[in-house]
N, C-alpha and C. Protein backbone atom coordinates (compact mmCIF):
# COMPACT_ATOMS: atom_id res chain seq x y z
N MET A 1 -17.81 -1.12 28.98
CA MET A 1 -19.21 -1.47 28.79
C MET A 1 -19.31 -2.96 28.49
N LYS A 2 -20.20 -3.63 29.21
CA LYS A 2 -20.30 -5.07 29.03
C LYS A 2 -21.03 -5.44 27.75
N SER A 3 -22.26 -4.93 27.55
CA SER A 3 -23.02 -5.30 26.35
C SER A 3 -23.84 -4.11 25.85
N ALA A 4 -23.95 -4.02 24.52
CA ALA A 4 -24.68 -2.93 23.89
C ALA A 4 -25.62 -3.51 22.86
N LEU A 5 -26.75 -2.85 22.68
CA LEU A 5 -27.75 -3.25 21.70
C LEU A 5 -27.81 -2.19 20.61
N ILE A 6 -27.57 -2.59 19.35
CA ILE A 6 -27.59 -1.65 18.24
C ILE A 6 -28.49 -2.17 17.13
N THR A 7 -28.76 -1.30 16.18
CA THR A 7 -29.44 -1.68 14.94
C THR A 7 -28.47 -1.43 13.80
N PRO A 8 -28.30 -2.37 12.87
CA PRO A 8 -27.36 -2.15 11.77
C PRO A 8 -27.82 -1.04 10.85
N GLY A 9 -26.88 -0.19 10.45
CA GLY A 9 -27.19 0.91 9.55
C GLY A 9 -26.35 0.84 8.30
N TYR A 10 -26.52 1.83 7.44
CA TYR A 10 -25.77 1.90 6.19
C TYR A 10 -24.45 2.61 6.46
N CYS A 11 -23.39 1.84 6.65
CA CYS A 11 -22.08 2.41 7.01
C CYS A 11 -22.30 3.48 8.07
N ALA A 12 -22.80 3.04 9.20
CA ALA A 12 -23.35 3.91 10.24
C ALA A 12 -22.40 5.01 10.70
N PRO A 13 -22.93 6.02 11.37
CA PRO A 13 -22.11 7.13 11.85
C PRO A 13 -21.04 6.68 12.84
N ILE A 14 -20.05 7.52 13.02
CA ILE A 14 -18.91 7.24 13.87
C ILE A 14 -19.33 6.87 15.29
N ILE A 15 -20.34 7.56 15.82
CA ILE A 15 -20.73 7.33 17.21
C ILE A 15 -21.13 5.88 17.45
N GLN A 16 -21.80 5.25 16.46
CA GLN A 16 -22.21 3.86 16.67
C GLN A 16 -21.00 2.94 16.75
N TYR A 17 -19.98 3.22 15.97
CA TYR A 17 -18.79 2.35 16.01
C TYR A 17 -17.93 2.63 17.24
N ALA A 18 -18.09 3.80 17.84
CA ALA A 18 -17.45 4.04 19.13
C ALA A 18 -18.08 3.13 20.19
N ILE A 19 -19.40 3.00 20.13
CA ILE A 19 -20.11 2.09 21.05
C ILE A 19 -19.63 0.66 20.83
N ILE A 20 -19.57 0.25 19.59
CA ILE A 20 -19.16 -1.12 19.27
C ILE A 20 -17.75 -1.40 19.74
N SER A 21 -16.85 -0.45 19.53
CA SER A 21 -15.44 -0.68 19.86
C SER A 21 -15.20 -0.77 21.36
N GLN A 22 -16.12 -0.22 22.16
CA GLN A 22 -15.90 -0.21 23.61
C GLN A 22 -16.79 -1.21 24.36
N ALA A 23 -17.52 -2.03 23.63
CA ALA A 23 -18.39 -3.02 24.27
C ALA A 23 -17.74 -4.39 24.23
N GLU A 24 -18.00 -5.18 25.26
CA GLU A 24 -17.51 -6.55 25.28
C GLU A 24 -18.37 -7.44 24.39
N GLU A 25 -19.66 -7.18 24.37
CA GLU A 25 -20.60 -7.91 23.53
C GLU A 25 -21.50 -6.90 22.81
N VAL A 26 -21.82 -7.19 21.57
CA VAL A 26 -22.72 -6.32 20.81
C VAL A 26 -23.90 -7.14 20.31
N TYR A 27 -25.08 -6.75 20.72
CA TYR A 27 -26.30 -7.39 20.25
C TYR A 27 -26.83 -6.60 19.06
N VAL A 28 -27.09 -7.29 17.97
CA VAL A 28 -27.54 -6.66 16.73
C VAL A 28 -29.00 -7.02 16.51
N GLU A 29 -29.86 -6.01 16.42
CA GLU A 29 -31.29 -6.25 16.28
C GLU A 29 -31.84 -5.65 14.99
N ALA A 30 -32.62 -6.43 14.29
CA ALA A 30 -33.26 -5.94 13.07
C ALA A 30 -34.73 -6.32 13.03
N LYS A 31 -35.29 -6.70 14.17
CA LYS A 31 -36.66 -7.18 14.21
C LYS A 31 -37.67 -6.08 14.49
N GLY A 32 -37.19 -4.86 14.65
CA GLY A 32 -38.10 -3.76 14.93
C GLY A 32 -38.73 -3.19 13.66
N ASN A 33 -39.58 -2.19 13.85
CA ASN A 33 -40.22 -1.54 12.71
C ASN A 33 -39.21 -0.71 11.93
N PHE A 34 -39.38 -0.68 10.63
CA PHE A 34 -38.52 0.15 9.79
C PHE A 34 -38.87 1.61 10.01
N GLN A 35 -37.87 2.44 10.21
CA GLN A 35 -38.08 3.87 10.44
C GLN A 35 -37.49 4.68 9.29
N LYS A 36 -38.27 5.60 8.77
CA LYS A 36 -37.79 6.49 7.72
C LYS A 36 -36.87 7.55 8.32
N GLN A 37 -36.14 8.23 7.44
CA GLN A 37 -35.23 9.30 7.84
C GLN A 37 -34.28 8.83 8.94
N SER A 38 -33.67 7.70 8.68
CA SER A 38 -32.71 7.16 9.64
C SER A 38 -31.48 6.68 8.88
N TYR A 39 -30.44 6.35 9.64
CA TYR A 39 -29.21 5.87 9.03
C TYR A 39 -29.29 4.41 8.61
N ARG A 40 -30.49 3.87 8.60
CA ARG A 40 -30.68 2.55 7.99
C ARG A 40 -30.53 2.63 6.47
N THR A 41 -30.93 3.76 5.90
CA THR A 41 -30.91 3.90 4.44
C THR A 41 -30.06 5.08 3.96
N ARG A 42 -29.31 5.71 4.84
CA ARG A 42 -28.54 6.87 4.42
C ARG A 42 -27.24 6.99 5.18
N MET A 43 -26.27 7.63 4.54
CA MET A 43 -25.04 7.97 5.23
C MET A 43 -24.56 9.34 4.75
N ASN A 44 -23.89 10.06 5.64
CA ASN A 44 -23.37 11.38 5.33
C ASN A 44 -21.87 11.32 5.07
N ILE A 45 -21.46 11.88 3.93
CA ILE A 45 -20.04 11.93 3.60
C ILE A 45 -19.63 13.39 3.43
N ALA A 46 -18.32 13.63 3.49
CA ALA A 46 -17.78 14.98 3.33
C ALA A 46 -17.35 15.19 1.88
N THR A 47 -17.78 16.30 1.29
CA THR A 47 -17.38 16.66 -0.06
C THR A 47 -16.80 18.07 -0.05
N SER A 48 -16.36 18.54 -1.19
CA SER A 48 -15.76 19.87 -1.27
C SER A 48 -16.76 20.98 -0.96
N THR A 49 -18.06 20.68 -1.07
CA THR A 49 -19.09 21.69 -0.81
C THR A 49 -19.80 21.47 0.52
N GLY A 50 -19.41 20.47 1.27
CA GLY A 50 -20.04 20.19 2.55
C GLY A 50 -20.56 18.77 2.64
N VAL A 51 -21.59 18.56 3.44
CA VAL A 51 -22.14 17.22 3.65
C VAL A 51 -23.00 16.80 2.45
N LEU A 52 -22.76 15.57 2.00
CA LEU A 52 -23.60 14.95 0.98
C LEU A 52 -24.22 13.71 1.58
N THR A 53 -25.54 13.59 1.49
CA THR A 53 -26.25 12.43 2.02
C THR A 53 -26.54 11.45 0.89
N LEU A 54 -26.02 10.24 1.03
CA LEU A 54 -26.30 9.17 0.07
C LEU A 54 -27.45 8.34 0.62
N ILE A 55 -28.52 8.21 -0.17
CA ILE A 55 -29.74 7.54 0.30
C ILE A 55 -30.03 6.31 -0.55
N ILE A 56 -30.27 5.19 0.11
CA ILE A 56 -30.60 3.94 -0.58
C ILE A 56 -32.10 3.94 -0.88
N PRO A 57 -32.49 3.75 -2.14
CA PRO A 57 -33.92 3.66 -2.47
C PRO A 57 -34.48 2.30 -2.08
N ILE A 58 -35.68 2.29 -1.55
CA ILE A 58 -36.31 1.03 -1.15
C ILE A 58 -37.66 0.89 -1.84
N LEU A 59 -38.12 -0.35 -1.93
CA LEU A 59 -39.44 -0.63 -2.48
C LEU A 59 -40.50 -0.40 -1.41
N HIS A 60 -41.48 0.39 -1.72
CA HIS A 60 -42.55 0.67 -0.76
C HIS A 60 -43.72 -0.29 -1.00
N ARG A 61 -44.23 -0.83 0.06
CA ARG A 61 -45.33 -1.78 -0.05
C ARG A 61 -46.64 -1.07 -0.38
N LYS A 62 -47.51 -1.76 -1.10
CA LYS A 62 -48.84 -1.23 -1.38
C LYS A 62 -49.72 -1.33 -0.15
N ASP A 63 -49.55 -2.42 0.59
CA ASP A 63 -50.34 -2.62 1.81
C ASP A 63 -49.66 -1.89 2.97
N LYS A 64 -50.26 -0.80 3.41
CA LYS A 64 -49.68 -0.01 4.49
C LYS A 64 -50.50 -0.08 5.77
N THR A 65 -51.29 -1.15 5.89
CA THR A 65 -52.10 -1.30 7.09
C THR A 65 -51.26 -1.68 8.29
N GLU A 66 -50.12 -2.33 8.05
CA GLU A 66 -49.22 -2.70 9.13
C GLU A 66 -47.85 -2.09 8.87
N ARG A 67 -47.15 -1.76 9.93
CA ARG A 67 -45.83 -1.17 9.78
C ARG A 67 -44.85 -2.20 9.25
N GLN A 68 -43.97 -1.76 8.40
CA GLN A 68 -43.01 -2.68 7.77
C GLN A 68 -41.86 -2.98 8.72
N GLN A 69 -41.46 -4.24 8.75
CA GLN A 69 -40.34 -4.66 9.58
C GLN A 69 -39.02 -4.41 8.84
N TYR A 70 -38.00 -4.04 9.59
CA TYR A 70 -36.70 -3.73 8.99
C TYR A 70 -36.19 -4.90 8.15
N PHE A 71 -36.30 -6.12 8.68
CA PHE A 71 -35.73 -7.27 7.98
C PHE A 71 -36.50 -7.62 6.71
N ASP A 72 -37.67 -6.99 6.50
CA ASP A 72 -38.47 -7.25 5.30
C ASP A 72 -38.25 -6.21 4.20
N VAL A 73 -37.54 -5.14 4.49
CA VAL A 73 -37.41 -4.04 3.54
C VAL A 73 -36.56 -4.47 2.34
N ARG A 74 -37.11 -4.29 1.14
CA ARG A 74 -36.42 -4.68 -0.10
C ARG A 74 -35.87 -3.45 -0.80
N LEU A 75 -34.79 -3.65 -1.54
CA LEU A 75 -34.12 -2.56 -2.23
C LEU A 75 -34.75 -2.32 -3.60
N GLU A 76 -34.74 -1.06 -4.02
CA GLU A 76 -35.19 -0.69 -5.36
C GLU A 76 -33.96 -0.57 -6.24
N ASN A 77 -33.64 -1.63 -6.94
CA ASN A 77 -32.36 -1.70 -7.66
C ASN A 77 -32.42 -1.18 -9.10
N LYS A 78 -33.57 -0.76 -9.56
CA LYS A 78 -33.65 -0.27 -10.93
C LYS A 78 -32.99 1.10 -11.10
N PHE A 79 -32.68 1.77 -9.98
CA PHE A 79 -32.10 3.11 -10.06
C PHE A 79 -30.57 3.11 -10.12
N HIS A 80 -29.94 1.95 -10.06
CA HIS A 80 -28.47 1.86 -10.10
C HIS A 80 -27.82 2.70 -9.00
N TRP A 81 -28.42 2.65 -7.84
CA TRP A 81 -27.93 3.46 -6.73
C TRP A 81 -26.54 3.04 -6.25
N GLN A 82 -26.23 1.74 -6.36
CA GLN A 82 -24.91 1.29 -5.92
C GLN A 82 -23.81 1.92 -6.77
N ARG A 83 -24.01 1.95 -8.08
CA ARG A 83 -23.05 2.60 -8.97
C ARG A 83 -22.87 4.07 -8.60
N ASP A 84 -23.98 4.77 -8.37
CA ASP A 84 -23.91 6.19 -8.07
C ASP A 84 -23.26 6.45 -6.72
N HIS A 85 -23.56 5.61 -5.73
CA HIS A 85 -22.97 5.80 -4.41
C HIS A 85 -21.47 5.57 -4.44
N TRP A 86 -21.03 4.55 -5.18
CA TRP A 86 -19.60 4.28 -5.25
C TRP A 86 -18.88 5.40 -5.98
N ARG A 87 -19.48 5.94 -7.02
CA ARG A 87 -18.88 7.07 -7.72
C ARG A 87 -18.75 8.27 -6.78
N SER A 88 -19.77 8.51 -5.99
CA SER A 88 -19.73 9.63 -5.05
C SER A 88 -18.65 9.44 -4.00
N LEU A 89 -18.50 8.22 -3.51
CA LEU A 89 -17.45 7.93 -2.53
C LEU A 89 -16.07 8.14 -3.13
N LYS A 90 -15.88 7.69 -4.35
CA LYS A 90 -14.58 7.84 -5.01
C LYS A 90 -14.24 9.31 -5.24
N ILE A 91 -15.21 10.07 -5.71
CA ILE A 91 -14.98 11.50 -5.96
C ILE A 91 -14.64 12.22 -4.65
N ALA A 92 -15.35 11.86 -3.60
CA ALA A 92 -15.16 12.54 -2.31
C ALA A 92 -13.85 12.16 -1.63
N TYR A 93 -13.45 10.90 -1.75
CA TYR A 93 -12.36 10.41 -0.90
C TYR A 93 -11.13 9.89 -1.64
N GLN A 94 -11.10 9.95 -2.95
CA GLN A 94 -9.99 9.34 -3.66
C GLN A 94 -8.64 10.00 -3.36
N THR A 95 -8.65 11.23 -2.85
CA THR A 95 -7.39 11.89 -2.47
C THR A 95 -7.13 11.82 -0.97
N SER A 96 -8.00 11.13 -0.22
CA SER A 96 -7.77 10.99 1.22
C SER A 96 -6.60 10.03 1.46
N PRO A 97 -5.98 10.10 2.64
CA PRO A 97 -4.77 9.30 2.88
C PRO A 97 -4.94 7.80 2.73
N TYR A 98 -6.15 7.27 3.04
CA TYR A 98 -6.28 5.81 3.10
C TYR A 98 -7.39 5.25 2.21
N PHE A 99 -7.88 6.04 1.27
CA PHE A 99 -8.93 5.49 0.40
C PHE A 99 -8.41 4.30 -0.41
N GLU A 100 -7.26 4.44 -1.02
CA GLU A 100 -6.71 3.33 -1.81
C GLU A 100 -6.39 2.13 -0.94
N TYR A 101 -6.08 2.37 0.31
CA TYR A 101 -5.76 1.29 1.25
C TYR A 101 -6.97 0.37 1.46
N TYR A 102 -8.17 0.97 1.48
CA TYR A 102 -9.39 0.20 1.75
C TYR A 102 -10.27 0.00 0.52
N GLU A 103 -9.92 0.60 -0.59
CA GLU A 103 -10.78 0.59 -1.77
C GLU A 103 -11.20 -0.82 -2.19
N ASP A 104 -10.27 -1.75 -2.21
CA ASP A 104 -10.57 -3.11 -2.66
C ASP A 104 -11.49 -3.85 -1.70
N GLU A 105 -11.60 -3.38 -0.48
CA GLU A 105 -12.50 -4.02 0.49
C GLU A 105 -13.94 -3.60 0.27
N PHE A 106 -14.14 -2.32 -0.08
CA PHE A 106 -15.50 -1.78 -0.17
C PHE A 106 -16.10 -1.84 -1.57
N GLU A 107 -15.28 -1.77 -2.60
CA GLU A 107 -15.82 -1.72 -3.96
C GLU A 107 -16.71 -2.92 -4.30
N PRO A 108 -16.36 -4.16 -3.90
CA PRO A 108 -17.24 -5.29 -4.23
C PRO A 108 -18.65 -5.16 -3.68
N LEU A 109 -18.83 -4.43 -2.58
CA LEU A 109 -20.16 -4.24 -2.02
C LEU A 109 -21.09 -3.50 -2.98
N TYR A 110 -20.48 -2.71 -3.85
CA TYR A 110 -21.26 -1.89 -4.77
C TYR A 110 -21.39 -2.50 -6.16
N HIS A 111 -20.92 -3.72 -6.31
CA HIS A 111 -21.06 -4.43 -7.58
C HIS A 111 -21.89 -5.70 -7.44
N LYS A 112 -22.17 -6.10 -6.22
CA LYS A 112 -23.03 -7.25 -5.99
C LYS A 112 -24.43 -6.76 -5.68
N GLU A 113 -25.41 -7.31 -6.37
CA GLU A 113 -26.80 -6.88 -6.15
C GLU A 113 -27.39 -7.59 -4.94
N TYR A 114 -28.01 -6.83 -4.08
CA TYR A 114 -28.68 -7.37 -2.89
C TYR A 114 -30.17 -7.15 -3.02
N ASP A 115 -30.94 -8.06 -2.46
CA ASP A 115 -32.40 -7.95 -2.52
C ASP A 115 -32.94 -7.18 -1.32
N LYS A 116 -32.38 -7.44 -0.14
CA LYS A 116 -32.89 -6.82 1.08
C LYS A 116 -31.90 -5.82 1.67
N LEU A 117 -32.45 -4.77 2.23
CA LEU A 117 -31.65 -3.73 2.86
C LEU A 117 -30.79 -4.28 3.98
N ILE A 118 -31.35 -5.13 4.82
CA ILE A 118 -30.63 -5.64 5.97
C ILE A 118 -29.41 -6.46 5.54
N ASP A 119 -29.52 -7.17 4.44
CA ASP A 119 -28.39 -7.97 3.97
C ASP A 119 -27.26 -7.08 3.47
N PHE A 120 -27.59 -6.03 2.76
CA PHE A 120 -26.55 -5.11 2.29
C PHE A 120 -25.89 -4.40 3.47
N ASN A 121 -26.70 -3.92 4.42
CA ASN A 121 -26.15 -3.23 5.58
C ASN A 121 -25.26 -4.13 6.42
N ASN A 122 -25.67 -5.38 6.58
CA ASN A 122 -24.84 -6.31 7.35
C ASN A 122 -23.53 -6.61 6.62
N ALA A 123 -23.58 -6.69 5.30
CA ALA A 123 -22.35 -6.93 4.53
C ALA A 123 -21.38 -5.76 4.71
N CYS A 124 -21.90 -4.54 4.64
CA CYS A 124 -21.07 -3.36 4.89
C CYS A 124 -20.49 -3.39 6.30
N HIS A 125 -21.33 -3.76 7.25
CA HIS A 125 -20.91 -3.79 8.66
C HIS A 125 -19.75 -4.76 8.88
N GLN A 126 -19.82 -5.92 8.27
CA GLN A 126 -18.77 -6.92 8.43
C GLN A 126 -17.44 -6.43 7.85
N VAL A 127 -17.49 -5.77 6.69
CA VAL A 127 -16.27 -5.24 6.09
C VAL A 127 -15.68 -4.14 6.97
N ILE A 128 -16.53 -3.31 7.52
CA ILE A 128 -16.06 -2.22 8.39
C ILE A 128 -15.37 -2.77 9.63
N LEU A 129 -15.96 -3.79 10.24
CA LEU A 129 -15.35 -4.40 11.43
C LEU A 129 -13.97 -4.96 11.09
N GLU A 130 -13.85 -5.58 9.93
CA GLU A 130 -12.55 -6.12 9.51
C GLU A 130 -11.54 -5.00 9.30
N CYS A 131 -11.96 -3.92 8.67
CA CYS A 131 -11.05 -2.80 8.42
C CYS A 131 -10.62 -2.13 9.73
N LEU A 132 -11.52 -2.08 10.69
CA LEU A 132 -11.19 -1.50 12.00
C LEU A 132 -10.43 -2.48 12.88
N GLN A 133 -10.34 -3.73 12.43
CA GLN A 133 -9.68 -4.79 13.19
C GLN A 133 -10.31 -4.94 14.58
N LEU A 134 -11.64 -4.92 14.59
CA LEU A 134 -12.37 -5.07 15.84
C LEU A 134 -12.81 -6.52 16.00
N ASP A 135 -12.29 -7.16 17.00
CA ASP A 135 -12.65 -8.55 17.29
C ASP A 135 -13.78 -8.53 18.31
N ILE A 136 -14.98 -8.26 17.83
CA ILE A 136 -16.14 -8.08 18.69
C ILE A 136 -17.10 -9.26 18.53
N LYS A 137 -17.63 -9.73 19.63
CA LYS A 137 -18.61 -10.80 19.60
C LYS A 137 -19.97 -10.21 19.23
N LEU A 138 -20.50 -10.58 18.06
CA LEU A 138 -21.80 -10.11 17.61
C LEU A 138 -22.85 -11.17 17.89
N ILE A 139 -23.93 -10.76 18.53
CA ILE A 139 -25.03 -11.67 18.85
C ILE A 139 -26.28 -11.13 18.19
N TYR A 140 -26.84 -11.88 17.26
CA TYR A 140 -28.01 -11.43 16.52
C TYR A 140 -29.28 -11.87 17.26
N THR A 141 -30.12 -10.91 17.59
CA THR A 141 -31.34 -11.22 18.32
C THR A 141 -32.37 -11.86 17.39
N THR A 142 -33.30 -12.59 17.96
CA THR A 142 -34.31 -13.28 17.16
C THR A 142 -35.70 -12.68 17.34
N GLU A 143 -35.81 -11.64 18.16
CA GLU A 143 -37.09 -10.98 18.38
C GLU A 143 -36.85 -9.54 18.81
N TYR A 144 -37.90 -8.73 18.72
CA TYR A 144 -37.77 -7.34 19.15
C TYR A 144 -37.71 -7.28 20.67
N LEU A 145 -36.74 -6.57 21.19
CA LEU A 145 -36.55 -6.47 22.63
C LEU A 145 -37.15 -5.17 23.15
N LYS A 146 -38.30 -5.28 23.82
CA LYS A 146 -38.96 -4.08 24.35
C LYS A 146 -38.22 -3.52 25.55
N LYS A 147 -37.76 -4.40 26.41
CA LYS A 147 -37.03 -3.97 27.60
C LYS A 147 -35.70 -4.74 27.66
N PRO A 148 -34.74 -4.33 26.87
CA PRO A 148 -33.48 -5.08 26.80
C PRO A 148 -32.65 -4.96 28.07
N SER A 149 -31.92 -6.01 28.36
CA SER A 149 -31.00 -6.00 29.50
C SER A 149 -29.69 -5.32 29.12
N GLN A 150 -29.44 -5.18 27.84
CA GLN A 150 -28.23 -4.52 27.36
C GLN A 150 -28.45 -3.00 27.36
N GLU A 151 -27.35 -2.26 27.27
CA GLU A 151 -27.48 -0.82 27.09
C GLU A 151 -28.02 -0.57 25.69
N ASP A 152 -29.09 0.19 25.62
CA ASP A 152 -29.85 0.33 24.38
C ASP A 152 -29.39 1.54 23.57
N PHE A 153 -28.75 1.28 22.43
CA PHE A 153 -28.26 2.35 21.57
C PHE A 153 -28.95 2.32 20.20
N ARG A 154 -30.14 1.74 20.12
CA ARG A 154 -30.85 1.66 18.85
C ARG A 154 -31.22 3.04 18.32
N GLY A 155 -31.39 3.99 19.23
CA GLY A 155 -31.77 5.34 18.82
C GLY A 155 -30.68 6.11 18.10
N LEU A 156 -29.46 5.58 18.08
CA LEU A 156 -28.36 6.29 17.42
C LEU A 156 -28.53 6.37 15.91
N LEU A 157 -29.42 5.57 15.33
CA LEU A 157 -29.63 5.60 13.89
C LEU A 157 -30.64 6.66 13.47
N THR A 158 -31.21 7.38 14.42
CA THR A 158 -32.17 8.42 14.07
C THR A 158 -31.44 9.61 13.46
N ALA A 159 -31.80 9.94 12.22
CA ALA A 159 -31.14 11.05 11.53
C ALA A 159 -31.88 12.37 11.72
N LYS A 160 -33.17 12.30 12.00
CA LYS A 160 -33.97 13.51 12.18
C LYS A 160 -33.77 14.07 13.58
N LYS A 161 -33.47 15.37 13.66
CA LYS A 161 -33.22 16.05 14.93
C LYS A 161 -32.12 15.34 15.71
N GLU A 162 -31.05 15.02 15.02
CA GLU A 162 -29.92 14.34 15.65
C GLU A 162 -29.21 15.27 16.62
N PRO A 163 -28.92 14.82 17.83
CA PRO A 163 -28.19 15.68 18.78
C PRO A 163 -26.75 15.89 18.34
N GLU A 164 -26.11 16.90 18.87
CA GLU A 164 -24.70 17.13 18.58
C GLU A 164 -23.86 16.28 19.53
N TYR A 165 -23.05 15.41 18.94
CA TYR A 165 -22.20 14.54 19.74
C TYR A 165 -20.83 15.19 19.90
N PRO A 166 -20.35 15.30 21.13
CA PRO A 166 -19.04 15.94 21.37
C PRO A 166 -17.88 15.01 21.03
N LEU A 167 -17.67 14.79 19.75
CA LEU A 167 -16.61 13.89 19.31
C LEU A 167 -15.33 14.67 19.03
N PRO A 168 -14.17 14.09 19.33
CA PRO A 168 -12.90 14.77 19.05
C PRO A 168 -12.74 15.02 17.55
N GLU A 169 -12.10 16.12 17.20
CA GLU A 169 -11.85 16.42 15.79
C GLU A 169 -10.67 15.60 15.28
N TYR A 170 -10.71 15.30 13.99
CA TYR A 170 -9.59 14.69 13.28
C TYR A 170 -9.49 15.40 11.94
N HIS A 171 -8.37 15.26 11.27
CA HIS A 171 -8.21 15.97 10.01
C HIS A 171 -9.09 15.37 8.92
N GLN A 172 -9.88 16.22 8.26
CA GLN A 172 -10.76 15.81 7.17
C GLN A 172 -10.37 16.53 5.89
N LEU A 173 -10.66 15.87 4.77
CA LEU A 173 -10.52 16.55 3.48
C LEU A 173 -11.49 17.72 3.42
N PHE A 174 -11.10 18.77 2.75
CA PHE A 174 -11.95 19.94 2.51
C PHE A 174 -12.34 20.68 3.78
N GLN A 175 -11.66 20.38 4.89
CA GLN A 175 -12.00 21.05 6.14
C GLN A 175 -11.80 22.56 6.03
N GLU A 176 -10.81 22.96 5.22
CA GLU A 176 -10.55 24.39 5.06
C GLU A 176 -11.67 25.07 4.28
N ASN A 177 -12.48 24.30 3.57
CA ASN A 177 -13.58 24.88 2.79
C ASN A 177 -14.80 25.19 3.63
N HIS A 178 -15.15 24.27 4.52
CA HIS A 178 -16.42 24.41 5.22
C HIS A 178 -16.35 24.07 6.71
N GLY A 179 -15.15 23.90 7.23
CA GLY A 179 -15.02 23.59 8.64
C GLY A 179 -15.14 22.10 8.93
N TYR A 180 -15.02 21.76 10.19
CA TYR A 180 -15.05 20.35 10.59
C TYR A 180 -16.49 19.83 10.60
N LEU A 181 -16.68 18.62 10.11
CA LEU A 181 -18.00 17.98 10.05
C LEU A 181 -18.00 16.79 11.00
N SER A 182 -18.83 16.84 12.00
CA SER A 182 -18.82 15.82 13.06
C SER A 182 -19.77 14.67 12.77
N ASN A 183 -19.39 13.49 13.24
CA ASN A 183 -20.22 12.28 13.23
C ASN A 183 -20.72 11.91 11.84
N LEU A 184 -19.81 11.95 10.87
CA LEU A 184 -20.14 11.46 9.54
C LEU A 184 -20.12 9.94 9.54
N THR A 185 -20.29 9.34 8.38
CA THR A 185 -20.17 7.88 8.28
C THR A 185 -18.81 7.42 8.77
N ILE A 186 -18.76 6.21 9.27
CA ILE A 186 -17.49 5.62 9.72
C ILE A 186 -16.47 5.57 8.59
N LEU A 187 -16.94 5.57 7.34
CA LEU A 187 -16.01 5.55 6.21
C LEU A 187 -15.14 6.80 6.17
N ASP A 188 -15.70 7.93 6.58
CA ASP A 188 -14.91 9.16 6.61
C ASP A 188 -13.73 9.02 7.56
N LEU A 189 -13.98 8.41 8.70
CA LEU A 189 -12.92 8.19 9.69
C LEU A 189 -11.87 7.22 9.14
N LEU A 190 -12.33 6.13 8.54
CA LEU A 190 -11.40 5.14 7.99
C LEU A 190 -10.53 5.72 6.88
N PHE A 191 -11.15 6.43 5.96
CA PHE A 191 -10.39 6.94 4.81
C PHE A 191 -9.42 8.05 5.21
N ASN A 192 -9.68 8.72 6.32
CA ASN A 192 -8.79 9.79 6.77
C ASN A 192 -7.74 9.34 7.79
N LEU A 193 -8.11 8.40 8.66
CA LEU A 193 -7.18 7.97 9.70
C LEU A 193 -6.58 6.59 9.48
N GLY A 194 -7.22 5.78 8.68
CA GLY A 194 -6.68 4.44 8.43
C GLY A 194 -6.63 3.59 9.68
N PRO A 195 -5.53 2.87 9.91
CA PRO A 195 -5.42 1.99 11.08
C PRO A 195 -5.56 2.71 12.42
N SER A 196 -5.39 4.03 12.44
CA SER A 196 -5.53 4.78 13.69
C SER A 196 -6.99 5.01 14.07
N ALA A 197 -7.92 4.64 13.19
CA ALA A 197 -9.34 4.86 13.46
C ALA A 197 -9.80 4.12 14.71
N GLN A 198 -9.30 2.90 14.91
CA GLN A 198 -9.71 2.12 16.08
C GLN A 198 -9.29 2.83 17.36
N GLU A 199 -8.09 3.36 17.40
CA GLU A 199 -7.63 4.08 18.59
C GLU A 199 -8.49 5.31 18.85
N TYR A 200 -8.87 6.00 17.78
CA TYR A 200 -9.74 7.17 17.92
C TYR A 200 -11.07 6.77 18.57
N LEU A 201 -11.67 5.68 18.09
CA LEU A 201 -12.96 5.24 18.62
C LEU A 201 -12.88 4.86 20.09
N GLU A 202 -11.79 4.21 20.46
CA GLU A 202 -11.66 3.73 21.83
C GLU A 202 -11.43 4.86 22.83
N LYS A 203 -11.03 6.03 22.34
CA LYS A 203 -10.77 7.16 23.24
C LYS A 203 -11.98 8.07 23.42
N ILE A 204 -13.05 7.82 22.70
CA ILE A 204 -14.24 8.65 22.83
C ILE A 204 -14.89 8.43 24.19
N ASP A 205 -15.20 9.51 24.88
CA ASP A 205 -15.83 9.43 26.20
C ASP A 205 -17.32 9.20 26.02
N LEU A 206 -17.76 7.98 26.18
CA LEU A 206 -19.16 7.65 25.95
C LEU A 206 -20.08 8.21 27.03
N ASP A 207 -19.53 8.50 28.22
CA ASP A 207 -20.35 9.07 29.28
C ASP A 207 -20.84 10.48 28.94
N ALA A 208 -20.14 11.14 28.01
CA ALA A 208 -20.52 12.50 27.61
C ALA A 208 -21.41 12.51 26.38
N ILE A 209 -21.79 11.33 25.90
CA ILE A 209 -22.55 11.24 24.67
C ILE A 209 -24.06 11.20 24.95
N PRO A 210 -24.81 12.21 24.44
CA PRO A 210 -26.28 12.13 24.55
C PRO A 210 -26.80 11.22 23.46
N TYR A 211 -27.74 10.36 23.78
CA TYR A 211 -28.30 9.50 22.74
C TYR A 211 -29.77 9.24 23.04
N GLN A 212 -30.49 8.91 21.97
CA GLN A 212 -31.92 8.67 22.08
C GLN A 212 -32.21 7.20 22.16
N LYS A 213 -32.88 6.78 23.21
CA LYS A 213 -33.25 5.37 23.32
C LYS A 213 -34.58 5.11 22.63
């Protein structure tokens, strides 16, 4: 794939990083309208009881006459959500094969306070790319692209009525408790497969992937 257009999410699902790993160029767009119930503010992790969704609280504007832009969304930091999210990640993954391997890379993200959602998501994204050892050219757009020339994968962040992606299985913690959980956050793949995560992403057949544009 020559070029792909994505929207940055909160440690986005595996399918988005499969797109990134197989593209020559990745265009990153944040100029569109903010959408609720999407992976912009949430990620799914595997726990002993099944899927746990970690949700970032945001400040809601009083003026709702115009739709809010993604790059304008501010975080609601009075709830100490970063502390709680990091605790949840540690509880869920501290016995996984590679959590300690990557722990020092991700923990600082949860101790630095961010004002805007897009800044926190981009910081997570950069750390993930480094951990995956993906040398990808990122091009940040300066306006909303209604008819992009790139392959448009912005719809992959939609969490509501998400299609089932035919992704290969890999060994997960607690799989014997509740079965295999597909297309979780990319962190699940990293903490379970470590350096082999990049190879896993590159082998995904993107032609078989249904996605919403």
